[in-house]
Protein backbone atom coordinates (compact mmCIF):
# COMPACT_ATOMS: atom_id res chain seq x y z
CA MET A 1 0.00 0.00 0.00
CA THR A 2 1.25 3.48 -0.82
CA ILE A 3 1.34 5.71 2.24
CA ARG A 4 0.18 9.20 1.29
CA THR A 5 -1.91 10.52 4.23
CA LEU A 6 -0.67 10.60 7.83
CA LEU A 7 -2.80 11.53 10.85
CA VAL A 8 -0.88 12.90 13.84
CA PRO A 9 -2.29 13.55 17.34
CA VAL A 10 -1.13 16.93 18.63
CA GLU A 11 -1.28 17.24 22.42
CA ASP A 12 -0.20 19.68 25.08
CA ALA A 13 2.62 17.36 26.16
CA GLY A 14 6.37 17.07 25.87
CA HIS A 15 6.26 13.97 23.65
CA THR A 16 4.33 15.76 20.90
CA ALA A 17 7.49 17.16 19.29
CA ASN A 18 8.91 13.65 19.01
CA VAL A 19 5.71 12.29 17.44
CA ILE A 20 5.65 15.11 14.89
CA ALA A 21 9.31 14.46 14.06
CA MET A 22 8.53 10.78 13.44
CA ALA A 23 5.61 11.70 11.20
CA THR A 24 7.86 14.06 9.28
CA ALA A 25 10.44 11.29 8.73
CA LEU A 26 7.72 8.99 7.39
CA ALA A 27 6.28 11.70 5.17
CA ARG A 28 9.72 12.41 3.69
CA ALA A 29 10.16 8.69 2.97
CA THR A 30 6.82 8.42 1.20
CA GLY A 31 6.11 11.90 -0.15
CA GLY A 32 3.16 11.95 2.21
CA HIS A 33 0.86 14.61 3.61
CA ILE A 34 0.78 15.18 7.39
CA GLU A 35 -2.46 16.24 9.00
CA GLY A 36 -2.40 17.42 12.61
CA CYS A 37 -5.35 16.70 14.90
CA PRO A 38 -5.89 18.39 18.30
CA LEU A 39 -6.12 15.66 20.96
CA GLU A 40 -7.37 16.37 24.45
CA ARG A 41 -5.25 15.21 27.35
CA LEU A 42 -6.57 12.27 29.34
CA TYR A 43 -5.09 9.92 31.85
CA ILE A 44 -5.82 6.31 32.73
CA GLU A 45 -7.88 6.18 35.91
CA ALA A 46 -8.62 2.49 36.27
CA ILE A 47 -8.86 -0.83 34.50
CA GLY A 48 -11.96 -2.79 35.44
CA ALA A 49 -13.37 -6.15 34.41
CA VAL A 50 -16.62 -6.02 32.46
CA GLU A 51 -16.86 -9.74 31.76
CA PRO A 52 -14.68 -12.79 32.54
CA LEU A 53 -12.40 -12.39 29.54
CA ALA A 54 -12.46 -8.68 28.89
CA GLY A 55 -11.46 -5.42 30.48
CA VAL A 56 -12.18 -1.76 30.02
CA VAL A 57 -9.92 1.26 30.45
CA LEU A 58 -11.70 4.17 32.12
CA THR A 59 -10.33 7.64 31.43
CA THR A 60 -11.06 11.10 32.71
CA ARG A 61 -10.07 14.61 31.71
CA ASP A 62 -6.72 15.88 32.97
CA SER A 63 -7.19 18.32 35.85
CA GLY A 64 -4.57 20.74 34.48
CA PRO A 65 -5.30 23.85 32.40
CA VAL A 66 -7.19 23.22 29.18
CA VAL A 67 -5.24 24.06 26.05
CA THR A 68 -7.14 25.31 23.02
CA PRO A 69 -7.10 23.81 19.52
CA GLU A 70 -5.65 27.10 18.28
CA GLN A 71 -2.67 26.73 20.63
CA LEU A 72 -2.07 23.17 19.48
CA ARG A 73 -2.32 24.25 15.86
CA ALA A 74 0.35 26.89 16.47
CA THR A 75 2.61 24.23 18.01
CA PHE A 76 2.08 21.92 15.03
CA GLU A 77 2.60 24.60 12.39
CA SER A 78 5.75 25.85 14.11
CA ALA A 79 7.18 22.31 14.03
CA MET A 80 6.27 21.94 10.34
CA ALA A 81 7.92 25.25 9.49
CA ALA A 82 11.07 24.28 11.39
CA ALA A 83 11.21 20.98 9.49
CA GLY A 84 10.74 22.70 6.13
CA VAL A 85 7.42 20.99 5.40
CA PRO A 86 5.22 23.25 3.24
CA ALA A 87 1.61 24.05 4.05
CA ALA A 88 -0.98 22.61 1.66
CA PRO A 89 -4.75 23.14 1.75
CA ALA A 90 -5.45 19.46 1.14
CA PRO A 91 -3.55 16.18 0.75
CA GLY A 92 -1.75 15.81 -2.55
CA PRO A 93 0.98 13.70 -4.17
CA ALA A 94 3.82 15.62 -2.47
CA LEU A 95 5.17 16.42 0.98
CA GLY A 96 2.95 18.88 2.80
CA TYR A 97 0.81 19.49 5.88
CA SER A 98 -2.60 20.74 6.95
CA TRP A 99 -4.77 20.89 10.07
CA ALA A 100 -7.62 18.44 10.66
CA GLY A 101 -10.04 20.37 12.82
CA ASN A 102 -10.85 23.16 15.23
CA ARG A 103 -12.07 21.19 18.24
CA LEU A 104 -10.36 18.87 20.69
CA VAL A 105 -11.07 15.18 20.11
CA ASN A 106 -10.76 12.22 22.45
CA ASP A 107 -9.11 8.87 21.68
CA ALA A 108 -12.31 7.30 20.32
CA GLN A 109 -12.93 10.24 17.97
CA PHE A 110 -9.29 10.21 16.86
CA ALA A 111 -9.57 6.48 16.11
CA ALA A 112 -12.72 7.02 14.04
CA LEU A 113 -11.08 9.84 12.09
CA SER A 114 -8.05 7.65 11.34
CA ARG A 115 -10.19 5.43 9.08
CA ALA A 116 -9.84 8.08 6.37
CA TYR A 117 -6.01 8.06 6.47
CA ASP A 118 -3.32 5.62 5.40
CA VAL A 119 -1.53 5.56 8.74
CA ALA A 120 -1.62 7.21 12.15
CA VAL A 121 1.49 8.13 14.13
CA ALA A 122 1.56 7.85 17.92
CA GLY A 123 4.13 8.00 20.70
CA ARG A 124 5.44 4.89 22.43
CA PRO A 125 3.20 4.43 25.50
CA ASN A 126 4.51 5.66 28.82
CA PRO A 127 2.87 4.80 32.15
CA ASP A 128 3.58 8.37 33.29
CA ASP A 129 0.39 10.45 33.24
CA SER A 130 1.96 12.98 30.88
CA GLY A 131 3.31 10.38 28.46
CA PRO A 132 1.72 8.96 25.30
CA ARG A 133 -1.32 6.79 25.99
CA LEU A 134 -1.77 3.17 24.95
CA SER A 135 -5.45 3.96 24.36
CA THR A 136 -4.61 6.36 21.54
CA LEU A 137 -2.80 3.85 19.36
CA GLU A 138 -4.98 0.87 20.33
CA GLY A 139 -8.03 2.87 19.31
CA VAL A 140 -6.61 3.23 15.81
CA LEU A 141 -5.65 -0.46 15.61
CA PHE A 142 -8.98 -1.84 16.84
CA GLU A 143 -11.50 0.82 15.86
CA GLY A 144 -9.80 2.61 12.97
CA GLY A 145 -8.61 -0.49 11.17
CA ARG A 146 -5.43 1.34 10.22
CA PRO A 147 -1.76 0.77 10.96
CA VAL A 148 0.03 2.82 13.61
CA LEU A 149 3.63 3.97 13.42
CA VAL A 150 4.88 4.07 17.01
CA ALA A 151 7.53 6.71 17.68
CA PRO A 152 10.06 5.81 20.37
CA PRO A 153 11.66 8.50 22.53
CA GLY A 154 14.35 10.21 20.50
CA ALA A 155 12.89 9.04 17.20
CA PRO A 156 15.40 8.95 14.32
CA GLY A 157 15.33 11.59 11.60
CA ARG A 158 14.82 9.01 8.85
CA LEU A 159 13.31 5.57 8.51
CA GLY A 160 12.64 2.87 5.96
CA SER A 161 16.12 2.27 4.56
CA SER A 162 16.66 -0.89 6.61
CA ILE A 163 13.49 -2.78 7.56
CA VAL A 164 12.96 -5.85 9.73
CA ILE A 165 9.66 -7.67 9.27
CA ALA A 166 8.87 -9.54 12.50
CA TRP A 167 7.15 -12.51 10.85
CA ASN A 168 5.19 -14.98 12.96
CA CYS A 169 3.10 -16.43 10.09
CA SER A 170 -0.12 -14.80 11.37
CA THR A 171 -2.95 -12.87 9.75
CA GLU A 172 -1.85 -9.79 11.69
CA SER A 173 1.68 -10.10 10.28
CA ALA A 174 0.29 -10.41 6.77
CA ARG A 175 -1.75 -7.22 7.21
CA SER A 176 1.23 -5.31 8.57
CA VAL A 177 3.32 -6.30 5.54
CA SER A 178 0.53 -5.26 3.18
CA PHE A 179 0.21 -1.84 4.83
CA ALA A 180 4.00 -1.36 4.76
CA MET A 181 4.63 -2.44 1.15
CA GLY A 182 5.17 1.11 -0.05
CA LEU A 183 8.09 1.37 2.37
CA ILE A 184 9.33 -2.20 1.91
CA GLU A 185 9.63 -1.77 -1.87
CA LYS A 186 11.81 1.33 -1.42
CA ALA A 187 14.06 -0.04 1.33
CA ASP A 188 17.76 -0.69 0.75
CA ARG A 189 17.70 -3.78 2.96
CA VAL A 190 14.85 -5.98 4.19
CA CYS A 191 15.02 -8.87 6.65
CA VAL A 192 12.17 -11.29 7.32
CA LEU A 193 12.83 -12.34 10.92
CA THR A 194 11.15 -15.35 12.52
CA VAL A 195 11.75 -16.24 16.18
CA GLU A 196 11.41 -19.92 17.00
CA GLY A 197 8.58 -20.59 19.43
CA GLY A 198 6.86 -17.32 18.56
CA THR A 199 4.84 -18.40 15.52
CA VAL A 200 1.43 -19.74 14.61
CA ALA A 201 0.56 -22.15 11.79
CA GLY A 202 1.05 -20.45 8.45
CA PRO A 203 3.48 -19.57 5.66
CA THR A 204 7.14 -19.43 6.60
CA GLY A 205 9.56 -16.57 6.32
CA SER A 206 10.95 -18.19 3.19
CA ASP A 207 7.46 -18.18 1.68
CA LEU A 208 7.14 -14.47 2.37
CA CYS A 209 10.57 -13.77 0.86
CA ARG A 210 9.52 -15.50 -2.37
CA SER A 211 6.39 -13.36 -2.51
CA LEU A 212 8.36 -10.17 -1.85
CA LYS A 213 10.71 -11.05 -4.69
CA ALA A 214 7.82 -10.62 -7.10
CA HIS A 215 7.73 -6.97 -5.93
CA GLY A 216 11.42 -6.56 -6.62
CA VAL A 217 12.38 -6.94 -2.96
CA GLU A 218 15.39 -9.16 -2.29
CA ALA A 219 14.68 -9.86 1.37
CA GLN A 220 16.94 -11.86 3.66
CA GLU A 221 15.29 -14.64 5.67
CA ARG A 222 16.42 -15.26 9.24
CA THR A 223 15.03 -17.80 11.65
CA VAL A 224 16.56 -17.46 15.09
CA SER A 225 16.35 -19.12 18.47
CA PRO A 226 15.45 -16.75 21.31
CA GLY A 227 17.77 -18.55 23.70
CA SER A 228 17.23 -17.08 27.17
CA MET A 229 15.38 -14.06 25.74
CA SER A 230 11.66 -13.61 25.29
CA VAL A 231 10.33 -13.41 21.72
CA GLY A 232 9.99 -9.64 22.01
CA GLN A 233 13.52 -9.27 23.33
CA ALA A 234 14.83 -11.46 20.50
CA ILE A 235 13.09 -9.32 17.88
CA LEU A 236 14.67 -6.14 19.23
CA HIS A 237 18.09 -7.79 19.62
CA HIS A 238 18.24 -9.09 16.06
CA ALA A 239 16.70 -5.92 14.60
CA GLY A 240 19.53 -4.02 16.25
CA ASP A 241 22.11 -6.43 14.83
CA PHE A 242 20.62 -5.93 11.37
CA GLY A 243 20.89 -2.15 11.68
CA ALA A 244 17.16 -1.68 11.25
CA ASP A 245 15.58 1.75 11.33
CA LEU A 246 12.03 0.32 11.20
CA ILE A 247 10.29 -2.82 12.46
CA VAL A 248 7.09 -4.02 10.79
CA LYS A 249 4.98 -6.25 13.04
CA GLY A 250 1.50 -7.63 13.43
CA ALA A 251 -0.09 -6.58 16.71
CA TYR A 252 -1.69 -8.87 19.27
CA THR A 253 -1.58 -12.30 17.64
CA GLN A 254 -2.19 -13.43 21.21
CA SER A 255 -5.24 -11.85 22.82
CA ARG A 256 -4.84 -8.35 24.22
CA LEU A 257 -6.02 -9.51 27.66
CA ARG A 258 -3.47 -12.32 27.74
CA GLN A 259 -0.71 -9.88 26.86
CA MET A 260 -1.91 -7.47 29.57
CA VAL A 261 -1.60 -10.26 32.15
CA PHE A 262 1.33 -12.34 30.91
CA GLY A 263 3.10 -10.03 28.47
CA GLY A 264 3.91 -10.84 24.86
CA PRO A 265 5.94 -9.66 21.86
CA THR A 266 3.57 -6.79 21.02
CA SER A 267 3.52 -5.51 24.58
CA HIS A 268 7.30 -5.78 24.85
CA LEU A 269 7.90 -3.75 21.69
CA LEU A 270 5.27 -1.19 22.65
CA TYR A 271 7.05 -0.37 25.88
CA HIS A 272 10.70 -1.11 25.10
CA SER A 273 11.52 -0.61 21.42
CA ALA A 274 14.10 2.08 20.69
CA LEU A 275 13.20 1.71 17.00
CA PRO A 276 10.03 2.90 15.25
CA VAL A 277 7.51 0.06 14.84
CA LEU A 278 4.70 -0.10 12.30
CA PHE A 279 1.90 -2.17 13.85
CA ALA A 280 -1.28 -3.52 12.28
CA CYS A 281 -3.82 -6.07 13.44
């Protein structure tokens, strides 16, 4: 899929500059259009059970001063000007930016809006009240049906030249590869990485490499043992060895509740990856 439209949440928080920088790096790699959206600040108040195998995250408005959409727009436009991204009234086939609305939206509204875009960009979740929220990116994954590019702290200025596909043979992995094809086809190096013990029944990494070859992508196939590491730790370790600047991964092949309780590869990357990760589910 060609990535042309990017939706970026703009908050009154320190991590916003990093998220915008990550969106700018992606837009430069794809010739995409960045659209800023004013997101209200919330914090996680509690997680309660609503049925035996499900949970709900309850949120409430931050008690601090309320920032206006106009203030957030000024922050966004200042960052775009500093990065040399030109203003454009509407998305087009070249690098540019615009503003998505004049009212603050919550996570659910942001997720619904993301359905009209190719990808959303969000910060790596931080349990600190002022940090990026897991609910923002999960809303896009589950309710928006779109991929999310997760920006780690200190996001790199470029991405997509060296890509690791964390392949576990699942439907979610297949979707993530499909969403990322516009980047994969342009990459200088691509590795299809499979961690033993972290897969489901399905096509192998070698099968995926053969399919990618039809797109002109000469991907390397690596199947590795995690040793004493978890699957998530092994993915990050080998992605670092490969010199990756982007990981492409399916999200939540195991259930979200199971990963909340026991952990899993998705949860590990969400909270620990120093590399940008493109997730889809």
